[in-house]
Amino acid sequence: MANRLPPPAHKQPVFHAHANAADWATAAAQAIASRLQQDLNLAPEVLLLLSGGSTPAPVYRQLAAQPLDWSRVVISLVDERLVAPGSDGNNAALLVQAVVDTPAEAARIWPLVIAGSSLAACVSQANARLTAAALPISTVVFGMGSDTHTASLFPRAPGLAAAFESQQSYVAIDASGCVGAGHYPLRISLTPSAWSRASARFLLITGAGKRRVYQRALAEHDAFAHPVRSAIYGGNSALHVHWCP
């Protein structure tokens, strides 16, 4: 992952610029739904992995309204903070809110945090459940912080190299000292090993500032300084980036 050489042409990301937030949310939701439908045509059930935060919420609301057979979709998370389920900062709560009173309410949601459990126990349970279910990972949806972190992989954080090299789907992250982690240093994060197995990967960003951050990550070939590069290039197909001003 620390390779400073540019990736091959077939892995170059596809950048979709939209005129406004409404067009962005609609186009991204339809693109994700299309990928899910393609994979549902091939498998009884599929896994959709979503990132938290406020930025993707409009996309998720439109995605949840798409006419898919949601009973065959399992929704889980790209990362989670070690906070009580349903509390402030809990990403799973965002997913629940997004699907209420929509067709996607028929989907199963897999939270990553178990109330009262340690970080290690939550990671172990998440990995065991994913292994036992043996579901194909259809789609992974990423966000990106202004520090170029994605999932809960922060620039030069302790354990970042181990996360890049792990063959597990999820790892424990202690992001103490990383500004982008805010008040939630203890986290669970999906690994590049897991998202490299996905049929499709999407990155959702908005604003001129995030576009500049993204372009900087592309230009500087160091995934330890810019972890989002592991999402951009960590798969067998091109990442699709959806952006609006």
C-alpha atoms as a PDB file:
ATOM      1  CA  MET A   1       0.000   0.000   0.000  1.00  0.00           C
ATOM      2  CA  ALA A   2       2.924   2.336   0.451  1.00  0.00           C
ATOM      3  CA  ASN A   3       3.955   1.937  -3.183  1.00  0.00           C
ATOM      4  CA  ARG A   4       4.761   5.381  -4.538  1.00  0.00           C
ATOM      5  CA  LEU A   5       4.456   4.370  -8.178  1.00  0.00           C
ATOM      6  CA  PRO A   6       1.269   5.383  -9.987  1.00  0.00           C
ATOM      7  CA  PRO A   7      -1.251   2.539 -10.438  1.00  0.00           C
ATOM      8  CA  PRO A   8      -2.038   0.991 -13.821  1.00  0.00           C
ATOM      9  CA  ALA A   9      -4.484   2.727 -16.125  1.00  0.00           C
ATOM     10  CA  HIS A  10      -7.316   0.241 -15.569  1.00  0.00           C
ATOM     11  CA  LYS A  11      -7.471   1.227 -11.899  1.00  0.00           C
ATOM     12  CA  GLN A  12      -7.689   4.963 -12.474  1.00  0.00           C
ATOM     13  CA  PRO A  13     -10.800   6.344 -10.748  1.00  0.00           C
ATOM     14  CA  VAL A  14     -13.788   7.653 -12.668  1.00  0.00           C
ATOM     15  CA  PHE A  15     -14.783  11.148 -11.538  1.00  0.00           C
ATOM     16  CA  HIS A  16     -18.442  12.174 -11.864  1.00  0.00           C
ATOM     17  CA  ALA A  17     -19.005  15.921 -11.357  1.00  0.00           C
ATOM     18  CA  HIS A  18     -22.614  16.950 -10.721  1.00  0.00           C
ATOM     19  CA  ALA A  19     -24.074  20.435 -10.983  1.00  0.00           C
ATOM     20  CA  ASN A  20     -25.716  20.502  -7.574  1.00  0.00           C
ATOM     21  CA  ALA A  21     -26.464  18.459  -4.467  1.00  0.00           C
ATOM     22  CA  ALA A  22     -29.801  17.186  -5.762  1.00  0.00           C
ATOM     23  CA  ASP A  23     -28.286  15.832  -8.967  1.00  0.00           C
ATOM     24  CA  TRP A  24     -25.381  14.364  -6.973  1.00  0.00           C
ATOM     25  CA  ALA A  25     -27.642  12.473  -4.575  1.00  0.00           C
ATOM     26  CA  THR A  26     -29.879  11.148  -7.347  1.00  0.00           C
ATOM     27  CA  ALA A  27     -27.049  10.012  -9.612  1.00  0.00           C
ATOM     28  CA  ALA A  28     -25.047   8.375  -6.842  1.00  0.00           C
ATOM     29  CA  ALA A  29     -28.094   6.562  -5.443  1.00  0.00           C
ATOM     30  CA  GLN A  30     -29.059   5.256  -8.868  1.00  0.00           C
ATOM     31  CA  ALA A  31     -25.508   4.105  -9.607  1.00  0.00           C
ATOM     32  CA  ILE A  32     -25.285   2.206  -6.322  1.00  0.00           C
ATOM     33  CA  ALA A  33     -28.728   0.666  -6.833  1.00  0.00           C
ATOM     34  CA  SER A  34     -27.786  -0.432 -10.348  1.00  0.00           C
ATOM     35  CA  ARG A  35     -24.721  -2.241  -9.026  1.00  0.00           C
ATOM     36  CA  LEU A  36     -26.748  -3.910  -6.293  1.00  0.00           C
ATOM     37  CA  GLN A  37     -29.319  -5.098  -8.820  1.00  0.00           C
ATOM     38  CA  GLN A  38     -26.619  -6.563 -11.053  1.00  0.00           C
ATOM     39  CA  ASP A  39     -25.239  -8.525  -8.127  1.00  0.00           C
ATOM     40  CA  LEU A  40     -28.694  -9.608  -6.940  1.00  0.00           C
ATOM     41  CA  ASN A  41     -29.159 -11.120 -10.392  1.00  0.00           C
ATOM     42  CA  LEU A  42     -26.188 -13.365  -9.618  1.00  0.00           C
ATOM     43  CA  ALA A  43     -26.566 -14.204  -5.919  1.00  0.00           C
ATOM     44  CA  PRO A  44     -29.382 -14.929  -3.447  1.00  0.00           C
ATOM     45  CA  GLU A  45     -28.145 -12.226  -1.061  1.00  0.00           C
ATOM     46  CA  VAL A  46     -25.548  -9.471  -1.211  1.00  0.00           C
ATOM     47  CA  LEU A  47     -23.758  -7.197   1.231  1.00  0.00           C
ATOM     48  CA  LEU A  48     -23.793  -3.399   1.024  1.00  0.00           C
ATOM     49  CA  LEU A  49     -21.235  -1.554   3.162  1.00  0.00           C
ATOM     50  CA  LEU A  50     -21.876   2.121   3.878  1.00  0.00           C
ATOM     51  CA  SER A  51     -19.906   4.889   5.536  1.00  0.00           C
ATOM     52  CA  GLY A  52     -21.319   7.118   8.247  1.00  0.00           C
ATOM     53  CA  GLY A  53     -21.376  10.882   8.592  1.00  0.00           C
ATOM     54  CA  SER A  54     -23.778  13.569   7.462  1.00  0.00           C
ATOM     55  CA  THR A  55     -22.456  13.960   3.896  1.00  0.00           C
ATOM     56  CA  PRO A  56     -23.911  10.745   2.402  1.00  0.00           C
ATOM     57  CA  ALA A  57     -27.298  10.977   4.154  1.00  0.00           C
ATOM     58  CA  PRO A  58     -29.157  12.438   1.116  1.00  0.00           C
ATOM     59  CA  VAL A  59     -27.737   9.672  -1.073  1.00  0.00           C
ATOM     60  CA  TYR A  60     -28.802   7.013   1.408  1.00  0.00           C
ATOM     61  CA  ARG A  61     -32.349   8.356   1.587  1.00  0.00           C
ATOM     62  CA  GLN A  62     -32.679   8.162  -2.184  1.00  0.00           C
ATOM     63  CA  LEU A  63     -30.981   4.778  -2.306  1.00  0.00           C
ATOM     64  CA  ALA A  64     -33.418   3.419   0.283  1.00  0.00           C
ATOM     65  CA  ALA A  65     -36.312   4.377  -1.995  1.00  0.00           C
ATOM     66  CA  GLN A  66     -34.983   2.387  -4.966  1.00  0.00           C
ATOM     67  CA  PRO A  67     -37.190  -0.567  -6.050  1.00  0.00           C
ATOM     68  CA  LEU A  68     -34.822  -3.402  -5.175  1.00  0.00           C
ATOM     69  CA  ASP A  69     -35.599  -6.674  -3.432  1.00  0.00           C
ATOM     70  CA  TRP A  70     -34.208  -5.285  -0.192  1.00  0.00           C
ATOM     71  CA  SER A  71     -35.059  -8.467   1.710  1.00  0.00           C
ATOM     72  CA  ARG A  72     -32.035  -9.968  -0.049  1.00  0.00           C
ATOM     73  CA  VAL A  73     -29.684  -7.144   0.918  1.00  0.00           C
ATOM     74  CA  VAL A  74     -27.657  -7.004   4.118  1.00  0.00           C
ATOM     75  CA  ILE A  75     -26.450  -3.519   5.043  1.00  0.00           C
ATOM     76  CA  SER A  76     -23.476  -2.985   7.294  1.00  0.00           C
ATOM     77  CA  LEU A  77     -20.789  -0.399   7.886  1.00  0.00           C
ATOM     78  CA  VAL A  78     -17.398   0.554   6.543  1.00  0.00           C
ATOM     79  CA  ASP A  79     -16.460   1.712  10.033  1.00  0.00           C
ATOM     80  CA  GLU A  80     -17.895   2.446  13.430  1.00  0.00           C
ATOM     81  CA  ARG A  81     -16.968   4.353  16.563  1.00  0.00           C
ATOM     82  CA  LEU A  82     -16.864   2.515  19.878  1.00  0.00           C
ATOM     83  CA  VAL A  83     -19.903   4.249  21.331  1.00  0.00           C
ATOM     84  CA  ALA A  84     -23.166   2.889  22.663  1.00  0.00           C
ATOM     85  CA  PRO A  85     -25.636   1.838  19.943  1.00  0.00           C
ATOM     86  CA  GLY A  86     -28.062   4.654  19.177  1.00  0.00           C
ATOM     87  CA  SER A  87     -25.944   7.332  20.835  1.00  0.00           C
ATOM     88  CA  ASP A  88     -24.393  10.408  19.256  1.00  0.00           C
ATOM     89  CA  GLY A  89     -21.620   9.399  16.894  1.00  0.00           C
ATOM     90  CA  ASN A  90     -23.069   5.945  16.212  1.00  0.00           C
ATOM     91  CA  ASN A  91     -23.011   5.232  12.475  1.00  0.00           C
ATOM     92  CA  ALA A  92     -25.499   2.371  12.677  1.00  0.00           C
ATOM     93  CA  ALA A  93     -28.134   4.821  13.903  1.00  0.00           C
ATOM     94  CA  LEU A  94     -27.718   6.761  10.648  1.00  0.00           C
ATOM     95  CA  LEU A  95     -28.476   3.629   8.636  1.00  0.00           C
ATOM     96  CA  VAL A  96     -31.594   2.889  10.657  1.00  0.00           C
ATOM     97  CA  GLN A  97     -32.842   6.453  10.164  1.00  0.00           C
ATOM     98  CA  ALA A  98     -32.176   6.290   6.419  1.00  0.00           C
ATOM     99  CA  VAL A  99     -34.318   3.199   5.821  1.00  0.00           C
ATOM    100  CA  VAL A 100     -37.315   3.968   8.053  1.00  0.00           C
ATOM    101  CA  ASP A 101     -40.565   3.918   6.045  1.00  0.00           C
ATOM    102  CA  THR A 102     -38.771   3.045   2.798  1.00  0.00           C
ATOM    103  CA  PRO A 103     -38.480  -0.147   0.740  1.00  0.00           C
ATOM    104  CA  ALA A 104     -35.007  -0.638   2.251  1.00  0.00           C
ATOM    105  CA  GLU A 105     -36.608  -1.217   5.639  1.00  0.00           C
ATOM    106  CA  ALA A 106     -36.833  -4.853   4.495  1.00  0.00           C
ATOM    107  CA  ALA A 107     -33.035  -5.128   4.490  1.00  0.00           C
ATOM    108  CA  ARG A 108     -31.141  -6.602   7.402  1.00  0.00           C
ATOM    109  CA  ILE A 109     -28.776  -4.208   9.154  1.00  0.00           C
ATOM    110  CA  TRP A 110     -25.651  -5.527  10.826  1.00  0.00           C
ATOM    111  CA  PRO A 111     -24.263  -3.125  13.423  1.00  0.00           C
ATOM    112  CA  LEU A 112     -20.589  -3.419  14.326  1.00  0.00           C
ATOM    113  CA  VAL A 113     -20.736  -2.441  17.994  1.00  0.00           C
ATOM    114  CA  ILE A 114     -22.225  -4.698  20.647  1.00  0.00           C
ATOM    115  CA  ALA A 115     -23.472  -2.841  23.717  1.00  0.00           C
ATOM    116  CA  GLY A 116     -21.106  -3.305  26.648  1.00  0.00           C
ATOM    117  CA  SER A 117     -18.482  -5.187  24.620  1.00  0.00           C
ATOM    118  CA  SER A 118     -14.817  -4.324  24.209  1.00  0.00           C
ATOM    119  CA  LEU A 119     -13.377  -3.115  20.927  1.00  0.00           C
ATOM    120  CA  ALA A 120     -11.586  -6.437  20.446  1.00  0.00           C
ATOM    121  CA  ALA A 121     -14.808  -8.375  21.024  1.00  0.00           C
ATOM    122  CA  CYS A 122     -16.722  -6.229  18.538  1.00  0.00           C
ATOM    123  CA  VAL A 123     -14.057  -6.729  15.869  1.00  0.00           C
ATOM    124  CA  SER A 124     -13.955 -10.469  16.480  1.00  0.00           C
ATOM    125  CA  GLN A 125     -17.731 -10.739  16.214  1.00  0.00           C
ATOM    126  CA  ALA A 126     -17.849  -8.658  13.014  1.00  0.00           C
ATOM    127  CA  ASN A 127     -15.218 -10.824  11.350  1.00  0.00           C
ATOM    128  CA  ALA A 128     -16.825 -14.070  12.487  1.00  0.00           C
ATOM    129  CA  ARG A 129     -20.263 -13.014  11.236  1.00  0.00           C
ATOM    130  CA  LEU A 130     -18.931 -11.969   7.841  1.00  0.00           C
ATOM    131  CA  THR A 131     -17.008 -15.225   7.459  1.00  0.00           C
ATOM    132  CA  ALA A 132     -19.947 -17.381   8.521  1.00  0.00           C
ATOM    133  CA  ALA A 133     -22.426 -15.623   6.240  1.00  0.00           C
ATOM    134  CA  ALA A 134     -20.130 -15.902   3.205  1.00  0.00           C
ATOM    135  CA  LEU A 135     -22.052 -13.141   1.467  1.00  0.00           C
ATOM    136  CA  PRO A 136     -20.565 -11.555  -1.644  1.00  0.00           C
ATOM    137  CA  ILE A 137     -19.634  -7.919  -1.032  1.00  0.00           C
ATOM    138  CA  SER A 138     -21.535  -6.051  -3.704  1.00  0.00           C
ATOM    139  CA  THR A 139     -20.784  -2.416  -3.018  1.00  0.00           C
ATOM    140  CA  VAL A 140     -18.652  -0.350  -0.657  1.00  0.00           C
ATOM    141  CA  VAL A 141     -19.423   3.353  -0.249  1.00  0.00           C
ATOM    142  CA  PHE A 142     -16.637   5.531   1.149  1.00  0.00           C
ATOM    143  CA  GLY A 143     -16.401   9.032   2.483  1.00  0.00           C
ATOM    144  CA  MET A 144     -13.246  11.080   2.918  1.00  0.00           C
ATOM    145  CA  GLY A 145     -12.114  13.489   5.611  1.00  0.00           C
ATOM    146  CA  SER A 146     -10.246  16.721   5.014  1.00  0.00           C
ATOM    147  CA  ASP A 147      -7.129  14.884   6.230  1.00  0.00           C
ATOM    148  CA  THR A 148      -7.654  12.252   3.471  1.00  0.00           C
ATOM    149  CA  HIS A 149      -8.736   9.552   5.919  1.00  0.00           C
ATOM    150  CA  THR A 150     -11.303   7.047   4.757  1.00  0.00           C
ATOM    151  CA  ALA A 151     -13.130   4.382   6.747  1.00  0.00           C
ATOM    152  CA  SER A 152     -11.294   4.792  10.081  1.00  0.00           C
ATOM    153  CA  LEU A 153      -7.847   4.732   8.517  1.00  0.00           C
ATOM    154  CA  PHE A 154      -6.141   7.995   9.482  1.00  0.00           C
ATOM    155  CA  PRO A 155      -2.888   9.394   8.068  1.00  0.00           C
ATOM    156  CA  ARG A 156       0.161   7.851   9.739  1.00  0.00           C
ATOM    157  CA  ALA A 157      -1.954   6.533  12.608  1.00  0.00           C
ATOM    158  CA  PRO A 158      -0.582   3.780  14.847  1.00  0.00           C
ATOM    159  CA  GLY A 159      -1.674   0.477  13.374  1.00  0.00           C
ATOM    160  CA  LEU A 160      -2.216   1.854   9.874  1.00  0.00           C
ATOM    161  CA  ALA A 161       0.404  -0.442   8.355  1.00  0.00           C
ATOM    162  CA  ALA A 162      -1.152  -3.425  10.133  1.00  0.00           C
ATOM    163  CA  ALA A 163      -4.585  -2.478   8.781  1.00  0.00           C
ATOM    164  CA  PHE A 164      -3.195  -2.217   5.257  1.00  0.00           C
ATOM    165  CA  GLU A 165      -1.614  -5.661   5.570  1.00  0.00           C
ATOM    166  CA  SER A 166      -4.388  -7.450   7.477  1.00  0.00           C
ATOM    167  CA  GLN A 167      -6.238 -10.298   5.787  1.00  0.00           C
ATOM    168  CA  GLN A 168      -9.165  -9.854   8.172  1.00  0.00           C
ATOM    169  CA  SER A 169     -12.202  -7.897   7.021  1.00  0.00           C
ATOM    170  CA  TYR A 170     -12.269  -5.639  10.075  1.00  0.00           C
ATOM    171  CA  VAL A 171      -9.560  -4.378  12.414  1.00  0.00           C
ATOM    172  CA  ALA A 172      -9.460  -2.410  15.653  1.00  0.00           C
ATOM    173  CA  ILE A 173      -8.191   1.155  15.337  1.00  0.00           C
ATOM    174  CA  ASP A 174      -6.881   3.425  18.090  1.00  0.00           C
ATOM    175  CA  ALA A 175      -6.728   6.845  16.452  1.00  0.00           C
ATOM    176  CA  SER A 176      -5.677   8.718  19.586  1.00  0.00           C
ATOM    177  CA  GLY A 177      -3.863  11.877  18.559  1.00  0.00           C
ATOM    178  CA  CYS A 178      -5.395  11.934  15.078  1.00  0.00           C
ATOM    179  CA  VAL A 179      -7.276  15.203  14.652  1.00  0.00           C
ATOM    180  CA  GLY A 180      -9.734  13.686  12.203  1.00  0.00           C
ATOM    181  CA  ALA A 181     -10.905  11.150  14.784  1.00  0.00           C
ATOM    182  CA  GLY A 182     -12.330  13.876  17.005  1.00  0.00           C
ATOM    183  CA  HIS A 183     -13.645  12.619  20.323  1.00  0.00           C
ATOM    184  CA  TYR A 184     -13.906   9.017  19.096  1.00  0.00           C
ATOM    185  CA  PRO A 185     -10.421   7.473  18.901  1.00  0.00           C
ATOM    186  CA  LEU A 186     -11.495   3.840  19.364  1.00  0.00           C
ATOM    187  CA  ARG A 187     -12.999   2.465  16.182  1.00  0.00           C
ATOM    188  CA  ILE A 188     -13.648  -0.546  13.974  1.00  0.00           C
ATOM    189  CA  SER A 189     -12.577  -0.231  10.353  1.00  0.00           C
ATOM    190  CA  LEU A 190     -13.006  -2.239   7.198  1.00  0.00           C
ATOM    191  CA  THR A 191      -9.691  -3.188   5.611  1.00  0.00           C
ATOM    192  CA  PRO A 192      -8.376  -2.946   2.052  1.00  0.00           C
ATOM    193  CA  SER A 193      -8.364  -6.739   2.013  1.00  0.00           C
ATOM    194  CA  ALA A 194     -12.151  -6.692   2.408  1.00  0.00           C
ATOM    195  CA  TRP A 195     -13.027  -3.909   0.028  1.00  0.00           C
ATOM    196  CA  SER A 196     -10.769  -5.333  -2.657  1.00  0.00           C
ATOM    197  CA  ARG A 197     -13.327  -8.170  -2.893  1.00  0.00           C
ATOM    198  CA  ALA A 198     -16.237  -5.824  -3.645  1.00  0.00           C
ATOM    199  CA  SER A 199     -17.889  -5.707  -7.046  1.00  0.00           C
ATOM    200  CA  ALA A 200     -17.928  -1.905  -6.934  1.00  0.00           C
ATOM    201  CA  ARG A 201     -16.555   0.964  -4.867  1.00  0.00           C
ATOM    202  CA  PHE A 202     -17.908   4.502  -4.640  1.00  0.00           C
ATOM    203  CA  LEU A 203     -16.535   7.647  -3.008  1.00  0.00           C
ATOM    204  CA  LEU A 204     -18.997  10.418  -2.102  1.00  0.00           C
ATOM    205  CA  ILE A 205     -17.579  13.915  -1.583  1.00  0.00           C
ATOM    206  CA  THR A 206     -18.905  17.468  -1.794  1.00  0.00           C
ATOM    207  CA  GLY A 207     -17.453  20.957  -1.924  1.00  0.00           C
ATOM    208  CA  ALA A 208     -14.460  22.613  -3.547  1.00  0.00           C
ATOM    209  CA  GLY A 209     -12.273  21.895  -0.532  1.00  0.00           C
ATOM    210  CA  LYS A 210     -12.836  18.148  -0.646  1.00  0.00           C
ATOM    211  CA  ARG A 211     -12.161  18.115  -4.374  1.00  0.00           C
ATOM    212  CA  ARG A 212      -8.778  19.738  -3.745  1.00  0.00           C
ATOM    213  CA  VAL A 213      -8.029  17.226  -0.991  1.00  0.00           C
ATOM    214  CA  TYR A 214      -8.949  14.365  -3.313  1.00  0.00           C
ATOM    215  CA  GLN A 215      -6.738  15.744  -6.085  1.00  0.00           C
ATOM    216  CA  ARG A 216      -3.847  16.073  -3.651  1.00  0.00           C
ATOM    217  CA  ALA A 217      -4.253  12.444  -2.620  1.00  0.00           C
ATOM    218  CA  LEU A 218      -4.133  11.434  -6.275  1.00  0.00           C
ATOM    219  CA  ALA A 219      -0.995  13.445  -6.916  1.00  0.00           C
ATOM    220  CA  GLU A 220       1.001  12.310  -3.887  1.00  0.00           C
ATOM    221  CA  HIS A 221       1.648   8.579  -4.193  1.00  0.00           C
ATOM    222  CA  ASP A 222       1.756   7.686  -0.501  1.00  0.00           C
ATOM    223  CA  ALA A 223      -1.116   5.799   1.118  1.00  0.00           C
ATOM    224  CA  PHE A 224       0.329   6.307   4.603  1.00  0.00           C
ATOM    225  CA  ALA A 225       0.028  10.074   4.177  1.00  0.00           C
ATOM    226  CA  HIS A 226      -3.255   9.772   2.257  1.00  0.00           C
ATOM    227  CA  PRO A 227      -5.145   6.612   3.302  1.00  0.00           C
ATOM    228  CA  VAL A 228      -7.956   7.334   0.853  1.00  0.00           C
ATOM    229  CA  ARG A 229      -5.568   6.072  -1.837  1.00  0.00           C
ATOM    230  CA  SER A 230      -6.122   2.575  -0.462  1.00  0.00           C
ATOM    231  CA  ALA A 231      -9.805   2.956  -1.331  1.00  0.00           C
ATOM    232  CA  ILE A 232      -9.144   4.639  -4.667  1.00  0.00           C
ATOM    233  CA  TYR A 233      -6.829   1.921  -5.936  1.00  0.00           C
ATOM    234  CA  GLY A 234      -7.635  -1.049  -3.702  1.00  0.00           C
ATOM    235  CA  GLY A 235      -9.793  -3.131  -5.985  1.00  0.00           C
ATOM    236  CA  ASN A 236     -10.005  -4.963  -9.279  1.00  0.00           C
ATOM    237  CA  SER A 237     -12.119  -2.282 -10.923  1.00  0.00           C
ATOM    238  CA  ALA A 238     -12.151   1.495 -11.040  1.00  0.00           C
ATOM    239  CA  LEU A 239     -13.494   3.502  -8.111  1.00  0.00           C
ATOM    240  CA  HIS A 240     -16.391   5.799  -9.026  1.00  0.00           C
ATOM    241  CA  VAL A 241     -16.191   9.211  -7.375  1.00  0.00           C
ATOM    242  CA  HIS A 242     -19.359  11.300  -7.162  1.00  0.00           C
ATOM    243  CA  TRP A 243     -18.826  14.992  -6.365  1.00  0.00           C
ATOM    244  CA  CYS A 244     -20.820  18.207  -6.366  1.00  0.00           C
ATOM    245  CA  PRO A 245     -19.879  21.786  -5.403  1.00  0.00           C
END
